[in-house]
N, C-alpha and C. Protein backbone atom coordinates (compact mmCIF):
# COMPACT_ATOMS: atom_id res chain seq x y z
N UNK A 1 0.84 -1.17 0.00
CA UNK A 1 0.00 0.00 0.00
C UNK A 1 0.89 1.23 0.00
N UNK A 2 0.88 1.96 -1.07
CA UNK A 2 1.70 3.15 -1.14
C UNK A 2 0.85 4.36 -1.44
N UNK A 3 1.12 5.40 -0.70
CA UNK A 3 0.45 6.67 -0.88
C UNK A 3 1.50 7.74 -0.65
N UNK A 4 1.58 8.68 -1.56
CA UNK A 4 2.67 9.65 -1.49
C UNK A 4 2.27 10.93 -0.75
N UNK A 5 1.07 11.45 -1.04
CA UNK A 5 0.70 12.72 -0.40
C UNK A 5 -0.79 12.76 -0.10
N UNK A 6 -1.12 13.58 0.87
CA UNK A 6 -2.50 13.86 1.25
C UNK A 6 -2.63 15.36 1.44
N UNK A 7 -3.58 15.95 0.79
CA UNK A 7 -3.84 17.38 0.93
C UNK A 7 -2.60 18.22 0.62
N UNK A 8 -1.78 17.74 -0.30
CA UNK A 8 -0.58 18.46 -0.71
C UNK A 8 0.59 18.31 0.25
N UNK A 9 0.45 17.48 1.26
CA UNK A 9 1.53 17.25 2.23
C UNK A 9 2.01 15.80 2.11
N UNK A 10 3.24 15.53 2.53
CA UNK A 10 3.68 14.13 2.54
C UNK A 10 2.72 13.31 3.41
N UNK A 11 2.29 12.17 2.92
CA UNK A 11 1.28 11.36 3.61
C UNK A 11 1.82 10.71 4.88
N UNK A 12 3.09 10.39 4.91
CA UNK A 12 3.63 9.62 6.02
C UNK A 12 3.36 10.23 7.40
N UNK A 13 3.69 11.50 7.63
CA UNK A 13 3.44 12.03 8.98
C UNK A 13 1.95 12.05 9.34
N UNK A 14 1.09 12.15 8.36
CA UNK A 14 -0.34 12.16 8.64
C UNK A 14 -0.86 10.75 8.94
N UNK A 15 -0.47 9.80 8.12
CA UNK A 15 -0.95 8.42 8.26
C UNK A 15 -0.37 7.76 9.52
N UNK A 16 0.86 8.10 9.85
CA UNK A 16 1.51 7.52 11.01
C UNK A 16 0.69 7.78 12.28
N UNK A 17 0.13 8.96 12.38
CA UNK A 17 -0.63 9.28 13.58
C UNK A 17 -1.86 8.39 13.74
N UNK A 18 -2.46 8.01 12.65
CA UNK A 18 -3.59 7.06 12.72
C UNK A 18 -3.11 5.72 13.27
N UNK A 19 -1.98 5.24 12.79
CA UNK A 19 -1.44 3.96 13.26
C UNK A 19 -1.04 4.04 14.73
N UNK A 20 -0.43 5.15 15.13
CA UNK A 20 0.03 5.32 16.50
C UNK A 20 -1.14 5.36 17.49
N UNK A 21 -2.26 5.87 17.06
CA UNK A 21 -3.45 5.92 17.93
C UNK A 21 -4.23 4.61 17.86
N UNK A 22 -4.47 4.11 16.66
CA UNK A 22 -5.36 2.96 16.50
C UNK A 22 -4.76 1.64 16.98
N UNK A 23 -3.47 1.43 16.82
CA UNK A 23 -2.89 0.14 17.20
C UNK A 23 -2.95 -0.08 18.72
N UNK A 24 -2.50 0.86 19.55
CA UNK A 24 -2.66 0.64 20.99
C UNK A 24 -4.13 0.61 21.43
N UNK A 25 -4.98 1.39 20.79
CA UNK A 25 -6.41 1.37 21.11
C UNK A 25 -7.01 0.00 20.78
N UNK A 26 -6.65 -0.53 19.62
CA UNK A 26 -7.11 -1.87 19.25
C UNK A 26 -6.57 -2.93 20.19
N UNK A 27 -5.33 -2.76 20.64
CA UNK A 27 -4.74 -3.70 21.59
C UNK A 27 -5.51 -3.68 22.91
N UNK A 28 -5.78 -2.50 23.41
CA UNK A 28 -6.53 -2.38 24.66
C UNK A 28 -7.94 -2.97 24.53
N UNK A 29 -8.61 -2.65 23.44
CA UNK A 29 -9.96 -3.16 23.22
C UNK A 29 -9.97 -4.69 23.09
N UNK A 30 -8.98 -5.24 22.42
CA UNK A 30 -8.89 -6.69 22.26
C UNK A 30 -8.61 -7.38 23.59
N UNK A 31 -7.72 -6.82 24.38
CA UNK A 31 -7.42 -7.39 25.69
C UNK A 31 -8.67 -7.36 26.57
N UNK A 32 -9.36 -6.24 26.60
CA UNK A 32 -10.55 -6.13 27.45
C UNK A 32 -11.65 -7.10 27.02
N UNK A 33 -11.89 -7.19 25.71
CA UNK A 33 -12.95 -8.11 25.26
C UNK A 33 -12.54 -9.57 25.40
N UNK A 34 -11.25 -9.84 25.38
CA UNK A 34 -10.78 -11.21 25.60
C UNK A 34 -10.94 -11.57 27.07
N UNK A 35 -10.55 -10.67 27.96
CA UNK A 35 -10.54 -10.95 29.40
C UNK A 35 -11.92 -10.90 30.04
N UNK A 36 -12.82 -10.13 29.44
CA UNK A 36 -14.16 -9.95 30.01
C UNK A 36 -15.20 -10.50 29.04
N UNK A 37 -15.51 -11.78 29.16
CA UNK A 37 -16.41 -12.42 28.20
C UNK A 37 -17.76 -11.71 28.06
N UNK A 38 -18.23 -11.07 29.10
CA UNK A 38 -19.51 -10.37 29.03
C UNK A 38 -19.50 -9.18 28.09
N UNK A 39 -18.32 -8.68 27.76
CA UNK A 39 -18.22 -7.53 26.85
C UNK A 39 -18.15 -7.94 25.39
N UNK A 40 -17.88 -9.20 25.13
CA UNK A 40 -17.65 -9.65 23.76
C UNK A 40 -18.83 -9.41 22.85
N UNK A 41 -20.00 -9.74 23.32
CA UNK A 41 -21.19 -9.63 22.47
C UNK A 41 -21.38 -8.21 21.93
N UNK A 42 -21.09 -7.22 22.74
CA UNK A 42 -21.33 -5.83 22.34
C UNK A 42 -20.09 -5.14 21.75
N UNK A 43 -18.91 -5.57 22.18
CA UNK A 43 -17.73 -4.79 21.83
C UNK A 43 -16.66 -5.52 21.01
N UNK A 44 -16.75 -6.83 20.87
CA UNK A 44 -15.70 -7.56 20.15
C UNK A 44 -15.61 -7.15 18.69
N UNK A 45 -16.75 -6.89 18.06
CA UNK A 45 -16.70 -6.46 16.65
C UNK A 45 -16.12 -5.05 16.52
N UNK A 46 -16.36 -4.21 17.52
CA UNK A 46 -15.75 -2.87 17.51
C UNK A 46 -14.23 -3.01 17.65
N UNK A 47 -13.80 -3.85 18.59
CA UNK A 47 -12.36 -4.08 18.76
C UNK A 47 -11.75 -4.62 17.47
N UNK A 48 -12.45 -5.54 16.83
CA UNK A 48 -11.97 -6.08 15.56
C UNK A 48 -11.87 -4.99 14.50
N UNK A 49 -12.88 -4.15 14.41
CA UNK A 49 -12.84 -3.05 13.44
C UNK A 49 -11.67 -2.12 13.68
N UNK A 50 -11.38 -1.84 14.94
CA UNK A 50 -10.24 -0.96 15.27
C UNK A 50 -8.93 -1.63 14.89
N UNK A 51 -8.80 -2.93 15.15
CA UNK A 51 -7.54 -3.60 14.80
C UNK A 51 -7.36 -3.71 13.29
N UNK A 52 -8.45 -3.90 12.56
CA UNK A 52 -8.35 -3.93 11.10
C UNK A 52 -7.93 -2.54 10.59
N UNK A 53 -8.58 -1.49 11.12
CA UNK A 53 -8.22 -0.12 10.72
C UNK A 53 -6.76 0.18 11.07
N UNK A 54 -6.31 -0.32 12.23
CA UNK A 54 -4.92 -0.11 12.63
C UNK A 54 -3.97 -0.81 11.66
N UNK A 55 -4.30 -2.04 11.27
CA UNK A 55 -3.45 -2.77 10.33
C UNK A 55 -3.37 -2.05 8.99
N UNK A 56 -4.50 -1.53 8.53
CA UNK A 56 -4.50 -0.77 7.28
C UNK A 56 -3.65 0.49 7.44
N UNK A 57 -3.80 1.18 8.56
CA UNK A 57 -3.02 2.40 8.80
C UNK A 57 -1.53 2.09 8.86
N UNK A 58 -1.16 0.98 9.48
CA UNK A 58 0.25 0.58 9.53
C UNK A 58 0.76 0.29 8.12
N UNK A 59 -0.02 -0.42 7.33
CA UNK A 59 0.38 -0.69 5.95
C UNK A 59 0.55 0.59 5.14
N UNK A 60 -0.38 1.52 5.31
CA UNK A 60 -0.27 2.82 4.61
C UNK A 60 0.94 3.61 5.12
N UNK A 61 1.20 3.54 6.41
CA UNK A 61 2.36 4.24 6.97
C UNK A 61 3.66 3.67 6.39
N UNK A 62 3.72 2.35 6.28
CA UNK A 62 4.92 1.74 5.70
C UNK A 62 5.09 2.15 4.24
N UNK A 63 4.00 2.08 3.48
CA UNK A 63 4.08 2.45 2.07
C UNK A 63 4.46 3.91 1.87
N UNK A 64 3.82 4.79 2.64
CA UNK A 64 4.13 6.22 2.51
C UNK A 64 5.53 6.52 3.03
N UNK A 65 5.98 5.73 4.01
CA UNK A 65 7.34 5.91 4.51
C UNK A 65 8.38 5.54 3.48
N UNK A 66 8.09 4.49 2.72
CA UNK A 66 9.02 4.11 1.65
C UNK A 66 9.10 5.20 0.59
N UNK A 67 7.95 5.79 0.27
CA UNK A 67 7.93 6.90 -0.69
C UNK A 67 8.74 8.09 -0.16
N UNK A 68 8.54 8.40 1.11
CA UNK A 68 9.25 9.53 1.71
C UNK A 68 10.74 9.25 1.83
N UNK A 69 11.09 8.01 2.13
CA UNK A 69 12.51 7.65 2.26
C UNK A 69 13.26 7.90 0.96
N UNK A 70 12.60 7.67 -0.17
CA UNK A 70 13.25 7.90 -1.46
C UNK A 70 13.59 9.38 -1.67
N UNK A 71 12.82 10.27 -1.02
CA UNK A 71 13.03 11.71 -1.19
C UNK A 71 13.82 12.33 -0.05
N UNK A 72 13.95 11.63 1.07
CA UNK A 72 14.60 12.20 2.25
C UNK A 72 16.11 12.01 2.19
N UNK A 73 16.78 12.82 2.98
CA UNK A 73 18.22 12.70 3.12
C UNK A 73 18.51 11.38 3.82
N UNK A 74 19.41 10.60 3.22
CA UNK A 74 19.73 9.28 3.75
C UNK A 74 20.70 9.41 4.92
N UNK A 75 20.21 9.06 6.11
CA UNK A 75 21.05 9.09 7.31
C UNK A 75 20.93 7.75 8.02
N UNK A 76 21.80 7.55 8.98
CA UNK A 76 21.76 6.31 9.76
C UNK A 76 20.45 6.22 10.54
N UNK A 77 19.96 7.36 11.07
CA UNK A 77 18.71 7.36 11.83
C UNK A 77 17.52 7.03 10.93
N UNK A 78 17.51 7.55 9.72
CA UNK A 78 16.42 7.24 8.79
C UNK A 78 16.44 5.77 8.42
N UNK A 79 17.62 5.25 8.18
CA UNK A 79 17.76 3.82 7.84
C UNK A 79 17.29 2.95 9.01
N UNK A 80 17.67 3.32 10.22
CA UNK A 80 17.25 2.56 11.42
C UNK A 80 15.72 2.60 11.58
N UNK A 81 15.15 3.77 11.37
CA UNK A 81 13.70 3.92 11.47
C UNK A 81 12.98 3.06 10.43
N UNK A 82 13.50 3.04 9.23
CA UNK A 82 12.90 2.23 8.16
C UNK A 82 12.93 0.75 8.51
N UNK A 83 14.05 0.30 9.01
CA UNK A 83 14.16 -1.12 9.40
C UNK A 83 13.22 -1.45 10.54
N UNK A 84 13.11 -0.57 11.53
CA UNK A 84 12.21 -0.80 12.65
C UNK A 84 10.76 -0.79 12.19
N UNK A 85 10.44 0.08 11.25
CA UNK A 85 9.07 0.20 10.76
C UNK A 85 8.55 -1.08 10.13
N UNK A 86 9.43 -1.88 9.60
CA UNK A 86 9.02 -3.14 8.97
C UNK A 86 8.56 -4.18 10.00
N UNK A 87 8.84 -3.94 11.28
CA UNK A 87 8.45 -4.90 12.32
C UNK A 87 7.03 -4.66 12.84
N UNK A 88 6.40 -3.57 12.49
CA UNK A 88 5.09 -3.24 13.06
C UNK A 88 3.96 -4.06 12.44
N UNK A 89 3.95 -4.21 11.13
CA UNK A 89 2.84 -4.87 10.45
C UNK A 89 2.61 -6.31 10.93
N UNK A 90 3.64 -7.12 11.14
CA UNK A 90 3.36 -8.46 11.66
C UNK A 90 2.65 -8.44 13.02
N UNK A 91 3.02 -7.51 13.88
CA UNK A 91 2.33 -7.38 15.17
C UNK A 91 0.88 -6.96 14.96
N UNK A 92 0.65 -6.02 14.06
CA UNK A 92 -0.71 -5.54 13.81
C UNK A 92 -1.58 -6.67 13.25
N UNK A 93 -1.02 -7.44 12.34
CA UNK A 93 -1.78 -8.56 11.76
C UNK A 93 -2.04 -9.62 12.83
N UNK A 94 -1.05 -9.92 13.65
CA UNK A 94 -1.23 -10.89 14.73
C UNK A 94 -2.33 -10.45 15.69
N UNK A 95 -2.32 -9.18 16.05
CA UNK A 95 -3.36 -8.65 16.93
C UNK A 95 -4.73 -8.75 16.27
N UNK A 96 -4.80 -8.48 14.98
CA UNK A 96 -6.06 -8.59 14.26
C UNK A 96 -6.56 -10.04 14.25
N UNK A 97 -5.67 -10.99 14.05
CA UNK A 97 -6.07 -12.40 14.08
C UNK A 97 -6.59 -12.81 15.46
N UNK A 98 -5.94 -12.33 16.49
CA UNK A 98 -6.42 -12.63 17.84
C UNK A 98 -7.77 -11.96 18.07
N UNK A 99 -7.94 -10.77 17.57
CA UNK A 99 -9.22 -10.08 17.69
C UNK A 99 -10.33 -10.85 16.96
N UNK A 100 -9.99 -11.46 15.84
CA UNK A 100 -10.96 -12.32 15.14
C UNK A 100 -11.32 -13.50 16.04
N UNK A 101 -10.32 -14.07 16.70
CA UNK A 101 -10.59 -15.17 17.63
C UNK A 101 -11.49 -14.75 18.78
N UNK A 102 -11.27 -13.57 19.31
CA UNK A 102 -12.11 -13.06 20.40
C UNK A 102 -13.54 -12.86 19.90
N UNK A 103 -13.67 -12.27 18.72
CA UNK A 103 -15.01 -12.03 18.16
C UNK A 103 -15.72 -13.35 17.85
N UNK A 104 -14.96 -14.37 17.52
CA UNK A 104 -15.56 -15.66 17.17
C UNK A 104 -15.69 -16.62 18.34
N UNK A 105 -15.32 -16.20 19.53
CA UNK A 105 -15.34 -17.09 20.70
C UNK A 105 -16.76 -17.57 21.02
N UNK A 106 -17.73 -16.70 20.90
CA UNK A 106 -19.11 -17.10 21.17
C UNK A 106 -19.59 -18.15 20.18
N UNK A 107 -19.27 -17.96 18.93
CA UNK A 107 -19.63 -18.92 17.89
C UNK A 107 -18.96 -20.26 18.18
N UNK A 108 -17.68 -20.22 18.55
CA UNK A 108 -16.95 -21.44 18.86
C UNK A 108 -17.59 -22.17 20.03
N UNK A 109 -17.98 -21.42 21.04
CA UNK A 109 -18.60 -22.05 22.22
C UNK A 109 -19.94 -22.71 21.86
N UNK A 110 -20.69 -22.09 20.96
CA UNK A 110 -21.97 -22.68 20.52
C UNK A 110 -21.73 -23.95 19.70
N UNK A 111 -20.67 -23.97 18.91
CA UNK A 111 -20.36 -25.14 18.07
C UNK A 111 -19.73 -26.26 18.89
N UNK A 112 -18.97 -25.91 19.88
CA UNK A 112 -18.25 -26.88 20.71
C UNK A 112 -18.56 -26.61 22.19
N UNK A 113 -19.76 -26.96 22.65
CA UNK A 113 -20.13 -26.63 24.03
C UNK A 113 -19.28 -27.33 25.09
N UNK A 114 -18.54 -28.38 24.71
CA UNK A 114 -17.70 -29.09 25.67
C UNK A 114 -16.40 -28.33 25.97
N UNK A 115 -16.07 -27.35 25.14
CA UNK A 115 -14.86 -26.56 25.39
C UNK A 115 -15.06 -25.73 26.66
N UNK A 116 -14.05 -25.68 27.47
CA UNK A 116 -14.12 -24.89 28.69
C UNK A 116 -14.08 -23.40 28.35
N UNK A 117 -15.14 -22.68 28.72
CA UNK A 117 -15.19 -21.24 28.45
C UNK A 117 -14.06 -20.52 29.19
N UNK A 118 -13.75 -20.97 30.39
CA UNK A 118 -12.65 -20.36 31.15
C UNK A 118 -11.31 -20.56 30.45
N UNK A 119 -11.11 -21.74 29.90
CA UNK A 119 -9.85 -22.03 29.21
C UNK A 119 -9.73 -21.17 27.94
N UNK A 120 -10.82 -21.07 27.20
CA UNK A 120 -10.82 -20.24 25.99
C UNK A 120 -10.54 -18.79 26.36
N UNK A 121 -11.19 -18.30 27.41
CA UNK A 121 -10.96 -16.93 27.87
C UNK A 121 -9.50 -16.74 28.28
N UNK A 122 -8.94 -17.70 29.00
CA UNK A 122 -7.54 -17.59 29.43
C UNK A 122 -6.58 -17.54 28.25
N UNK A 123 -6.80 -18.43 27.29
CA UNK A 123 -5.92 -18.46 26.10
C UNK A 123 -6.03 -17.17 25.31
N UNK A 124 -7.26 -16.72 25.08
CA UNK A 124 -7.46 -15.47 24.33
C UNK A 124 -6.87 -14.28 25.07
N UNK A 125 -7.02 -14.25 26.38
CA UNK A 125 -6.49 -13.13 27.16
C UNK A 125 -4.97 -13.08 27.11
N UNK A 126 -4.33 -14.23 27.30
CA UNK A 126 -2.86 -14.28 27.25
C UNK A 126 -2.37 -13.89 25.86
N UNK A 127 -2.99 -14.44 24.82
CA UNK A 127 -2.59 -14.10 23.45
C UNK A 127 -2.79 -12.62 23.17
N UNK A 128 -3.92 -12.07 23.62
CA UNK A 128 -4.20 -10.64 23.40
C UNK A 128 -3.21 -9.77 24.16
N UNK A 129 -2.88 -10.15 25.39
CA UNK A 129 -1.89 -9.39 26.17
C UNK A 129 -0.53 -9.40 25.49
N UNK A 130 -0.09 -10.57 25.02
CA UNK A 130 1.22 -10.66 24.38
C UNK A 130 1.26 -9.86 23.07
N UNK A 131 0.26 -10.09 22.22
CA UNK A 131 0.23 -9.37 20.93
C UNK A 131 0.02 -7.88 21.14
N UNK A 132 -0.85 -7.53 22.08
CA UNK A 132 -1.12 -6.11 22.34
C UNK A 132 0.11 -5.39 22.88
N UNK A 133 0.80 -6.05 23.82
CA UNK A 133 2.02 -5.43 24.36
C UNK A 133 3.10 -5.33 23.29
N UNK A 134 3.27 -6.38 22.50
CA UNK A 134 4.27 -6.34 21.43
C UNK A 134 3.96 -5.27 20.39
N UNK A 135 2.70 -5.19 19.99
CA UNK A 135 2.30 -4.19 18.99
C UNK A 135 2.48 -2.78 19.52
N UNK A 136 2.06 -2.57 20.77
CA UNK A 136 2.16 -1.23 21.36
C UNK A 136 3.61 -0.83 21.56
N UNK A 137 4.42 -1.73 22.10
CA UNK A 137 5.83 -1.39 22.30
C UNK A 137 6.51 -1.11 20.96
N UNK A 138 6.24 -1.93 19.96
CA UNK A 138 6.89 -1.77 18.67
C UNK A 138 6.52 -0.44 18.02
N UNK A 139 5.23 -0.07 18.08
CA UNK A 139 4.84 1.19 17.43
C UNK A 139 5.41 2.40 18.18
N UNK A 140 5.53 2.30 19.50
CA UNK A 140 6.14 3.38 20.27
C UNK A 140 7.62 3.50 19.92
N UNK A 141 8.30 2.37 19.86
CA UNK A 141 9.73 2.36 19.54
C UNK A 141 9.99 2.91 18.14
N UNK A 142 9.17 2.50 17.19
CA UNK A 142 9.32 2.99 15.81
C UNK A 142 9.01 4.48 15.74
N UNK A 143 7.96 4.89 16.44
CA UNK A 143 7.62 6.32 16.46
C UNK A 143 8.74 7.16 17.06
N UNK A 144 9.36 6.65 18.11
CA UNK A 144 10.48 7.37 18.73
C UNK A 144 11.65 7.49 17.75
N UNK A 145 11.95 6.39 17.06
CA UNK A 145 13.06 6.45 16.11
C UNK A 145 12.74 7.39 14.94
N UNK A 146 11.46 7.45 14.55
CA UNK A 146 11.07 8.38 13.49
C UNK A 146 11.20 9.83 13.93
N UNK A 147 10.82 10.09 15.17
CA UNK A 147 10.97 11.45 15.70
C UNK A 147 12.44 11.84 15.78
N UNK A 148 13.29 10.90 16.22
CA UNK A 148 14.73 11.18 16.26
C UNK A 148 15.27 11.43 14.86
N UNK A 149 14.84 10.61 13.90
CA UNK A 149 15.33 10.77 12.52
C UNK A 149 14.91 12.12 11.95
N UNK A 150 13.74 12.59 12.37
CA UNK A 150 13.23 13.86 11.85
C UNK A 150 13.86 15.05 12.54
N UNK A 151 13.97 15.00 13.84
CA UNK A 151 14.31 16.19 14.61
C UNK A 151 15.71 16.19 15.20
N UNK A 152 16.45 15.12 15.15
CA UNK A 152 17.74 15.03 15.83
C UNK A 152 18.79 15.98 15.27
N UNK A 153 18.75 16.25 13.98
CA UNK A 153 19.80 17.09 13.40
C UNK A 153 19.47 18.58 13.42
N UNK A 154 18.35 18.96 14.03
CA UNK A 154 18.03 20.38 14.15
C UNK A 154 18.86 20.99 15.28
N UNK A 155 19.28 22.23 15.11
CA UNK A 155 20.04 22.86 16.19
C UNK A 155 19.15 23.06 17.42
N UNK A 156 19.73 22.85 18.58
CA UNK A 156 18.98 23.02 19.82
C UNK A 156 18.67 24.49 20.03
N UNK A 157 17.53 24.77 20.61
CA UNK A 157 17.16 26.16 20.92
C UNK A 157 18.04 26.64 22.05
N UNK A 158 18.54 27.83 21.91
CA UNK A 158 19.35 28.40 22.99
C UNK A 158 18.45 29.21 23.91
N UNK A 159 18.96 29.51 25.09
CA UNK A 159 18.16 30.28 26.04
C UNK A 159 17.95 31.70 25.52
N UNK A 160 18.81 32.17 24.62
CA UNK A 160 18.65 33.51 24.05
C UNK A 160 17.44 33.59 23.14
N UNK A 161 16.98 32.42 22.60
CA UNK A 161 15.84 32.41 21.69
C UNK A 161 14.53 32.66 22.41
N UNK A 162 14.48 32.46 23.73
CA UNK A 162 13.23 32.61 24.49
C UNK A 162 12.86 34.02 24.70
């Protein structure tokens, strides 16, 4: 998924913010709906929608980042950020798959009533916690490296500027 510009501006800084907000939000929603079975009926599809939107936003951020990288000054920080950015999409997809499992837990229980609901809840909760923590940490780490790549070479403001 590649997109170069939005509203006449480079798309990457705009799309990245959607990924940075939606991925941790989807992680939190997936963990809550996994851990609290009573919330699944009303909120699991919302959590799934957020994780799908987050995955799309991550894919768009990667594509727009590749476009921007071709035009940006090549530095070690930019290269590091690009490499780190490639690690986010697998986490986002994994979280989305777990969110699908959470949304489908009720259906599974109806099809297989002998399955322990507590065991299913425990497995989904642990999987959601692991994927959610990994996705959230990775997007924060990548965002930090992107901020460093963007702003690190600017001269520091002196006290005389105030």
